[in-house]
Amino acid sequence: WVGAWWMGMFFPGLIVFLFSFIVMLYPRQMPAAKVVLQDKVRRGITSVIEKKEELERSLKDITLDMLPALKRVLLNKALTCLIVGDIFLFISSGAYSYYPKLYGL
């Protein structure tokens, strides 16, 4: 089992891939969204044409719209501090099991 270190990454990765494939099979618009769209059109919030344009956007357009939002999230100081703290917590939690060996306790 010494040489099977990769199994701890392979099997969870495979499970994540299978679940992500299932999520990719979801439709772009859920059937219940049609009722919500009709309600918004009736109230004058949006139009059917705007919704069709939104659903027909290319992957490139979606990605380009996501970049400013990602930049804003990554520059958020509070979120950055939480992420750095979680990284230190993750690293130190693995070291706790080796403290007796390292320090002769």
N, C-alpha and C. Protein backbone atom coordinates (compact mmCIF):
# COMPACT_ATOMS: atom_id res chain seq x y z
N TRP A 1 0.81 -1.20 0.00
CA TRP A 1 0.00 0.00 0.00
C TRP A 1 0.85 1.26 0.00
N VAL A 2 2.14 1.09 0.15
CA VAL A 2 3.00 2.27 0.16
C VAL A 2 2.98 2.94 -1.22
N GLY A 3 2.90 2.14 -2.28
CA GLY A 3 2.92 2.71 -3.62
C GLY A 3 1.55 3.13 -4.12
N ALA A 4 0.52 2.99 -3.31
CA ALA A 4 -0.83 3.34 -3.76
C ALA A 4 -1.27 4.70 -3.23
N TRP A 5 -0.36 5.65 -3.13
CA TRP A 5 -0.70 6.98 -2.63
C TRP A 5 -1.67 7.69 -3.57
N TRP A 6 -1.61 7.33 -4.83
CA TRP A 6 -2.42 8.01 -5.84
C TRP A 6 -3.89 7.63 -5.73
N MET A 7 -4.21 6.54 -5.05
CA MET A 7 -5.60 6.11 -4.94
C MET A 7 -6.44 7.13 -4.15
N GLY A 8 -5.80 7.83 -3.23
CA GLY A 8 -6.50 8.84 -2.46
C GLY A 8 -6.92 10.03 -3.29
N MET A 9 -6.29 10.21 -4.45
CA MET A 9 -6.67 11.30 -5.35
C MET A 9 -7.51 10.79 -6.53
N PHE A 10 -7.24 9.59 -6.95
CA PHE A 10 -7.90 9.05 -8.13
C PHE A 10 -9.39 8.79 -7.91
N PHE A 11 -9.72 8.07 -6.85
CA PHE A 11 -11.11 7.69 -6.64
C PHE A 11 -12.01 8.88 -6.29
N PRO A 12 -11.62 9.78 -5.40
CA PRO A 12 -12.47 10.97 -5.21
C PRO A 12 -12.57 11.81 -6.49
N GLY A 13 -11.47 11.89 -7.26
CA GLY A 13 -11.53 12.62 -8.52
C GLY A 13 -12.50 11.99 -9.50
N LEU A 14 -12.53 10.67 -9.53
CA LEU A 14 -13.46 9.96 -10.40
C LEU A 14 -14.90 10.20 -9.98
N ILE A 15 -15.14 10.20 -8.68
CA ILE A 15 -16.49 10.45 -8.18
C ILE A 15 -16.93 11.88 -8.51
N VAL A 16 -16.03 12.85 -8.34
CA VAL A 16 -16.35 14.24 -8.67
C VAL A 16 -16.64 14.37 -10.16
N PHE A 17 -15.86 13.68 -10.99
CA PHE A 17 -16.08 13.74 -12.44
C PHE A 17 -17.45 13.16 -12.80
N LEU A 18 -17.83 12.05 -12.19
CA LEU A 18 -19.12 11.45 -12.49
C LEU A 18 -20.27 12.38 -12.10
N PHE A 19 -20.18 13.00 -10.92
CA PHE A 19 -21.24 13.91 -10.50
C PHE A 19 -21.26 15.17 -11.37
N SER A 20 -20.10 15.66 -11.79
CA SER A 20 -20.08 16.84 -12.64
C SER A 20 -20.66 16.52 -14.01
N PHE A 21 -20.47 15.31 -14.49
CA PHE A 21 -21.06 14.91 -15.76
C PHE A 21 -22.59 14.90 -15.66
N ILE A 22 -23.10 14.46 -14.53
CA ILE A 22 -24.55 14.46 -14.32
C ILE A 22 -25.08 15.90 -14.31
N VAL A 23 -24.35 16.81 -13.66
CA VAL A 23 -24.77 18.20 -13.62
C VAL A 23 -24.73 18.82 -15.02
N MET A 24 -23.77 18.42 -15.84
CA MET A 24 -23.68 18.94 -17.21
C MET A 24 -24.88 18.53 -18.06
N LEU A 25 -25.60 17.49 -17.67
CA LEU A 25 -26.75 17.04 -18.42
C LEU A 25 -28.01 17.85 -18.13
N TYR A 26 -27.94 18.73 -17.13
CA TYR A 26 -29.10 19.58 -16.84
C TYR A 26 -29.37 20.50 -18.03
N PRO A 27 -30.63 20.85 -18.25
CA PRO A 27 -30.94 21.79 -19.34
C PRO A 27 -30.50 23.21 -18.98
N ARG A 28 -30.38 24.06 -20.01
CA ARG A 28 -30.02 25.45 -19.75
C ARG A 28 -31.08 26.16 -18.93
N GLN A 29 -32.31 25.78 -19.14
CA GLN A 29 -33.42 26.42 -18.42
C GLN A 29 -34.33 25.32 -17.89
N MET A 30 -34.61 25.39 -16.61
CA MET A 30 -35.48 24.40 -16.00
C MET A 30 -36.92 24.63 -16.44
N PRO A 31 -37.74 23.59 -16.49
CA PRO A 31 -39.12 23.76 -16.95
C PRO A 31 -39.93 24.76 -16.11
N ALA A 32 -39.69 24.84 -14.84
CA ALA A 32 -40.44 25.77 -14.00
C ALA A 32 -40.07 27.22 -14.28
N ALA A 33 -38.92 27.45 -14.94
CA ALA A 33 -38.51 28.82 -15.25
C ALA A 33 -39.42 29.47 -16.28
N LYS A 34 -40.12 28.67 -17.07
CA LYS A 34 -41.04 29.24 -18.06
C LYS A 34 -42.19 29.98 -17.37
N VAL A 35 -42.65 29.44 -16.26
CA VAL A 35 -43.73 30.10 -15.50
C VAL A 35 -43.21 31.43 -14.94
N VAL A 36 -41.99 31.43 -14.42
CA VAL A 36 -41.41 32.65 -13.86
C VAL A 36 -41.21 33.68 -14.97
N LEU A 37 -40.75 33.23 -16.16
CA LEU A 37 -40.55 34.14 -17.28
C LEU A 37 -41.88 34.76 -17.72
N GLN A 38 -42.90 33.95 -17.80
CA GLN A 38 -44.22 34.49 -18.18
C GLN A 38 -44.71 35.53 -17.18
N ASP A 39 -44.44 35.28 -15.90
CA ASP A 39 -44.84 36.24 -14.87
C ASP A 39 -44.05 37.54 -15.01
N LYS A 40 -42.75 37.44 -15.30
CA LYS A 40 -41.92 38.64 -15.47
C LYS A 40 -42.34 39.42 -16.71
N VAL A 41 -42.68 38.73 -17.78
CA VAL A 41 -43.14 39.40 -19.00
C VAL A 41 -44.46 40.11 -18.73
N ARG A 42 -45.35 39.46 -18.00
CA ARG A 42 -46.65 40.05 -17.68
C ARG A 42 -46.49 41.31 -16.84
N ARG A 43 -45.51 41.29 -15.90
CA ARG A 43 -45.29 42.46 -15.05
C ARG A 43 -44.42 43.51 -15.72
N GLY A 44 -43.83 43.21 -16.88
CA GLY A 44 -43.03 44.18 -17.62
C GLY A 44 -41.59 44.28 -17.15
N ILE A 45 -41.11 43.30 -16.41
CA ILE A 45 -39.74 43.32 -15.92
C ILE A 45 -38.76 42.97 -17.04
N THR A 46 -39.11 42.03 -17.88
CA THR A 46 -38.24 41.60 -18.97
C THR A 46 -39.10 41.27 -20.18
N SER A 47 -38.43 40.98 -21.28
CA SER A 47 -39.15 40.57 -22.48
C SER A 47 -38.66 39.20 -22.91
N VAL A 48 -39.43 38.53 -23.72
CA VAL A 48 -39.06 37.21 -24.20
C VAL A 48 -37.80 37.29 -25.05
N ILE A 49 -37.65 38.37 -25.81
CA ILE A 49 -36.48 38.53 -26.67
C ILE A 49 -35.21 38.64 -25.84
N GLU A 50 -35.26 39.41 -24.74
CA GLU A 50 -34.09 39.52 -23.87
C GLU A 50 -33.71 38.17 -23.28
N LYS A 51 -34.70 37.41 -22.89
CA LYS A 51 -34.42 36.10 -22.30
C LYS A 51 -33.82 35.16 -23.34
N LYS A 52 -34.32 35.19 -24.58
CA LYS A 52 -33.75 34.34 -25.63
C LYS A 52 -32.31 34.72 -25.91
N GLU A 53 -32.02 36.02 -25.93
CA GLU A 53 -30.64 36.47 -26.14
C GLU A 53 -29.74 35.99 -25.02
N GLU A 54 -30.25 36.02 -23.81
CA GLU A 54 -29.47 35.56 -22.66
C GLU A 54 -29.18 34.07 -22.75
N LEU A 55 -30.15 33.28 -23.18
CA LEU A 55 -29.96 31.83 -23.26
C LEU A 55 -29.09 31.43 -24.45
N GLU A 56 -29.00 32.26 -25.47
CA GLU A 56 -28.23 31.91 -26.67
C GLU A 56 -26.82 32.48 -26.65
N ARG A 57 -26.38 33.00 -25.52
CA ARG A 57 -25.01 33.54 -25.44
C ARG A 57 -24.00 32.43 -25.60
N SER A 58 -22.87 32.74 -26.22
CA SER A 58 -21.84 31.73 -26.44
C SER A 58 -21.01 31.55 -25.16
N LEU A 59 -20.24 30.48 -25.15
CA LEU A 59 -19.38 30.20 -24.01
C LEU A 59 -18.34 31.31 -23.85
N LYS A 60 -17.89 31.85 -24.96
CA LYS A 60 -16.89 32.93 -24.91
C LYS A 60 -17.48 34.16 -24.22
N ASP A 61 -18.72 34.52 -24.55
CA ASP A 61 -19.36 35.67 -23.92
C ASP A 61 -19.56 35.45 -22.43
N ILE A 62 -19.96 34.25 -22.07
CA ILE A 62 -20.17 33.93 -20.65
C ILE A 62 -18.86 34.02 -19.89
N THR A 63 -17.77 33.50 -20.49
CA THR A 63 -16.46 33.54 -19.85
C THR A 63 -15.97 34.98 -19.70
N LEU A 64 -16.16 35.79 -20.75
CA LEU A 64 -15.71 37.18 -20.66
C LEU A 64 -16.51 37.96 -19.62
N ASP A 65 -17.76 37.62 -19.41
CA ASP A 65 -18.54 38.26 -18.37
C ASP A 65 -18.12 37.81 -16.97
N MET A 66 -17.57 36.61 -16.89
CA MET A 66 -17.19 36.06 -15.60
C MET A 66 -15.87 36.63 -15.10
N LEU A 67 -14.99 37.05 -15.99
CA LEU A 67 -13.67 37.52 -15.57
C LEU A 67 -13.71 38.73 -14.64
N PRO A 68 -14.49 39.78 -14.92
CA PRO A 68 -14.55 40.89 -13.95
C PRO A 68 -15.11 40.48 -12.59
N ALA A 69 -16.08 39.59 -12.61
CA ALA A 69 -16.65 39.12 -11.34
C ALA A 69 -15.62 38.31 -10.56
N LEU A 70 -14.84 37.49 -11.25
CA LEU A 70 -13.79 36.71 -10.59
C LEU A 70 -12.72 37.62 -10.02
N LYS A 71 -12.36 38.66 -10.76
CA LYS A 71 -11.37 39.63 -10.27
C LYS A 71 -11.88 40.32 -9.01
N ARG A 72 -13.16 40.70 -9.00
CA ARG A 72 -13.74 41.36 -7.84
C ARG A 72 -13.74 40.44 -6.62
N VAL A 73 -14.01 39.17 -6.83
CA VAL A 73 -14.04 38.21 -5.72
C VAL A 73 -12.63 37.99 -5.19
N LEU A 74 -11.64 37.85 -6.09
CA LEU A 74 -10.28 37.59 -5.65
C LEU A 74 -9.64 38.78 -4.96
N LEU A 75 -10.09 39.99 -5.26
CA LEU A 75 -9.56 41.18 -4.61
C LEU A 75 -10.30 41.54 -3.33
N ASN A 76 -11.27 40.74 -2.95
CA ASN A 76 -12.01 40.96 -1.71
C ASN A 76 -11.11 40.58 -0.53
N LYS A 77 -10.77 41.55 0.31
CA LYS A 77 -9.82 41.31 1.40
C LYS A 77 -10.34 40.31 2.43
N ALA A 78 -11.62 40.40 2.76
CA ALA A 78 -12.17 39.48 3.75
C ALA A 78 -12.13 38.04 3.25
N LEU A 79 -12.50 37.84 2.00
CA LEU A 79 -12.47 36.49 1.44
C LEU A 79 -11.04 35.97 1.34
N THR A 80 -10.11 36.83 0.96
CA THR A 80 -8.71 36.42 0.87
C THR A 80 -8.19 35.99 2.24
N CYS A 81 -8.53 36.73 3.28
CA CYS A 81 -8.09 36.35 4.63
C CYS A 81 -8.69 35.01 5.05
N LEU A 82 -9.96 34.78 4.73
CA LEU A 82 -10.58 33.50 5.06
C LEU A 82 -9.91 32.34 4.33
N ILE A 83 -9.59 32.53 3.05
CA ILE A 83 -8.96 31.47 2.27
C ILE A 83 -7.56 31.17 2.81
N VAL A 84 -6.78 32.22 3.09
CA VAL A 84 -5.44 32.01 3.64
C VAL A 84 -5.52 31.31 4.99
N GLY A 85 -6.46 31.71 5.82
CA GLY A 85 -6.64 31.04 7.11
C GLY A 85 -7.01 29.57 6.96
N ASP A 86 -7.87 29.28 6.01
CA ASP A 86 -8.24 27.88 5.76
C ASP A 86 -7.06 27.07 5.26
N ILE A 87 -6.22 27.68 4.44
CA ILE A 87 -5.03 26.98 3.94
C ILE A 87 -4.11 26.63 5.11
N PHE A 88 -3.86 27.59 6.01
CA PHE A 88 -3.01 27.31 7.17
C PHE A 88 -3.64 26.26 8.08
N LEU A 89 -4.95 26.30 8.24
CA LEU A 89 -5.64 25.31 9.05
C LEU A 89 -5.50 23.92 8.44
N PHE A 90 -5.64 23.83 7.12
CA PHE A 90 -5.52 22.55 6.42
C PHE A 90 -4.11 21.99 6.56
N ILE A 91 -3.12 22.84 6.38
CA ILE A 91 -1.72 22.39 6.49
C ILE A 91 -1.40 21.97 7.91
N SER A 92 -1.82 22.76 8.88
CA SER A 92 -1.47 22.45 10.26
C SER A 92 -2.24 21.23 10.79
N SER A 93 -3.44 20.97 10.28
CA SER A 93 -4.18 19.81 10.76
C SER A 93 -3.49 18.51 10.38
N GLY A 94 -2.81 18.50 9.26
CA GLY A 94 -2.05 17.31 8.89
C GLY A 94 -0.80 17.14 9.73
N ALA A 95 -0.25 18.24 10.20
CA ALA A 95 0.97 18.17 11.00
C ALA A 95 0.70 17.73 12.44
N TYR A 96 -0.53 17.91 12.92
CA TYR A 96 -0.84 17.56 14.31
C TYR A 96 -0.56 16.10 14.61
N SER A 97 -0.77 15.23 13.66
CA SER A 97 -0.56 13.81 13.92
C SER A 97 0.92 13.46 14.03
N TYR A 98 1.80 14.33 13.56
CA TYR A 98 3.23 14.05 13.62
C TYR A 98 3.94 14.80 14.76
N TYR A 99 3.23 15.60 15.54
CA TYR A 99 3.86 16.34 16.61
C TYR A 99 4.57 15.44 17.62
N PRO A 100 3.97 14.34 18.08
CA PRO A 100 4.69 13.49 19.03
C PRO A 100 6.00 12.94 18.45
N LYS A 101 6.00 12.61 17.18
CA LYS A 101 7.21 12.08 16.56
C LYS A 101 8.26 13.18 16.38
N LEU A 102 7.83 14.37 15.99
CA LEU A 102 8.76 15.44 15.73
C LEU A 102 9.38 16.01 17.00
N TYR A 103 8.58 16.13 18.06
CA TYR A 103 9.05 16.77 19.25
C TYR A 103 9.32 15.81 20.42
N GLY A 104 9.21 14.51 20.15
CA GLY A 104 9.53 13.50 21.16
C GLY A 104 8.60 13.52 22.35
N LEU A 105 7.33 13.78 22.13
CA LEU A 105 6.38 13.83 23.25
C LEU A 105 5.89 12.45 23.61
